[in-house]
Amino acid sequence: MRLEDWRQTKKRGGKPMSYSVLANGIGVSHATVARRYCLPFQHKDFSRPAEEIMLNIQEFTMGMVKPNDFYNLPEEENEDVTNVA
């Protein structure tokens, strides 16, 4: 799940979680930093979080957003990568 999709599901008073609350929860200094993690991959301002922040995001979202979600990978269920020729 993309971080922006997760953020949109966390509503307070009918509005999505603010980027400030998200930034505080994942341990980054400013709402703008958190917002860049939420942008589409192709957006010029998209930023991929550092490994430590990715782990913070995974913990803060209770596993709903994982490090792989920050890469534009095809979603293939039950793919066995050990048998790739």
Protein backbone atom coordinates (compact mmCIF):
# COMPACT_ATOMS: atom_id res chain seq x y z
CA MET A 1 0.00 0.00 0.00
CA ARG A 2 1.31 3.44 -0.89
CA LEU A 3 1.90 5.80 2.05
CA GLU A 4 -0.51 8.37 0.56
CA ASP A 5 -3.24 5.74 0.29
CA TRP A 6 -2.69 4.80 3.93
CA ARG A 7 -2.69 8.47 5.00
CA GLN A 8 -5.99 9.03 3.19
CA THR A 9 -7.63 6.24 5.24
CA LYS A 10 -6.67 7.84 8.56
CA LYS A 11 -9.37 10.46 8.85
CA ARG A 12 -10.07 12.89 11.68
CA GLY A 13 -13.10 15.09 11.35
CA GLY A 14 -13.59 13.86 7.79
CA LYS A 15 -10.10 14.95 6.68
CA PRO A 16 -7.04 12.74 6.02
CA MET A 17 -4.19 12.68 8.52
CA SER A 18 -2.13 15.84 8.11
CA TYR A 19 1.40 15.67 6.76
CA SER A 20 2.58 17.24 10.05
CA VAL A 21 1.11 14.38 12.09
CA LEU A 22 2.57 11.88 9.62
CA ALA A 23 6.00 13.52 9.80
CA ASN A 24 5.97 13.40 13.59
CA GLY A 25 4.89 9.74 13.57
CA ILE A 26 7.63 8.59 11.19
CA GLY A 27 10.41 10.67 12.72
CA VAL A 28 11.09 13.29 10.04
CA SER A 29 11.62 16.98 10.65
CA HIS A 30 8.94 18.59 8.53
CA ALA A 31 5.59 17.97 6.85
CA THR A 32 7.14 18.69 3.44
CA VAL A 33 9.48 15.72 3.85
CA ALA A 34 6.57 13.40 4.64
CA ARG A 35 4.58 14.83 1.71
CA ARG A 36 7.39 13.96 -0.71
CA TYR A 37 7.21 10.32 0.40
CA CYS A 38 3.50 10.38 -0.49
CA LEU A 39 3.82 11.72 -4.04
CA PRO A 40 3.47 9.49 -7.12
CA PHE A 41 6.72 7.83 -8.24
CA GLN A 42 6.90 9.87 -11.44
CA HIS A 43 6.45 13.22 -9.67
CA LYS A 44 9.57 15.39 -9.85
CA ASP A 45 9.51 15.97 -6.08
CA PHE A 46 8.97 12.33 -5.06
CA SER A 47 11.56 11.22 -2.54
CA ARG A 48 12.30 7.67 -1.43
CA PRO A 49 12.89 7.49 2.33
CA ALA A 50 16.15 6.29 3.80
CA GLU A 51 16.15 2.74 5.18
CA GLU A 52 15.69 3.88 8.79
CA ILE A 53 12.69 6.02 7.86
CA MET A 54 11.18 3.17 5.83
CA LEU A 55 11.32 1.02 8.95
CA ASN A 56 9.72 3.83 10.98
CA ILE A 57 6.96 4.05 8.37
CA GLN A 58 6.37 0.30 8.52
CA GLU A 59 6.09 0.46 12.30
CA PHE A 60 3.90 3.59 12.34
CA THR A 61 1.49 2.10 9.79
CA MET A 62 1.44 -1.23 11.64
CA GLY A 63 2.86 -3.02 8.61
CA MET A 64 0.36 -1.64 6.11
CA VAL A 65 3.12 0.26 4.26
CA LYS A 66 6.31 -1.72 3.63
CA PRO A 67 9.71 -0.73 2.17
CA ASN A 68 8.82 -2.42 -1.15
CA ASP A 69 5.91 0.00 -1.49
CA PHE A 70 8.42 2.78 -2.25
CA TYR A 71 9.55 1.05 -5.42
CA ASN A 72 7.53 0.80 -8.60
CA LEU A 73 7.51 -3.01 -8.65
CA PRO A 74 4.88 -5.14 -10.36
CA GLU A 75 2.53 -6.80 -7.91
CA GLU A 76 2.75 -10.54 -8.46
CA GLU A 77 1.30 -12.81 -5.84
CA ASN A 78 3.05 -16.02 -4.85
CA GLU A 79 6.10 -15.26 -6.96
CA ASP A 80 8.96 -17.57 -6.04
CA VAL A 81 12.11 -15.53 -6.61
CA THR A 82 14.37 -18.46 -5.73
CA ASN A 83 13.44 -20.24 -8.97
CA VAL A 84 14.23 -17.37 -11.32
CA ALA A 85 16.39 -18.62 -14.21
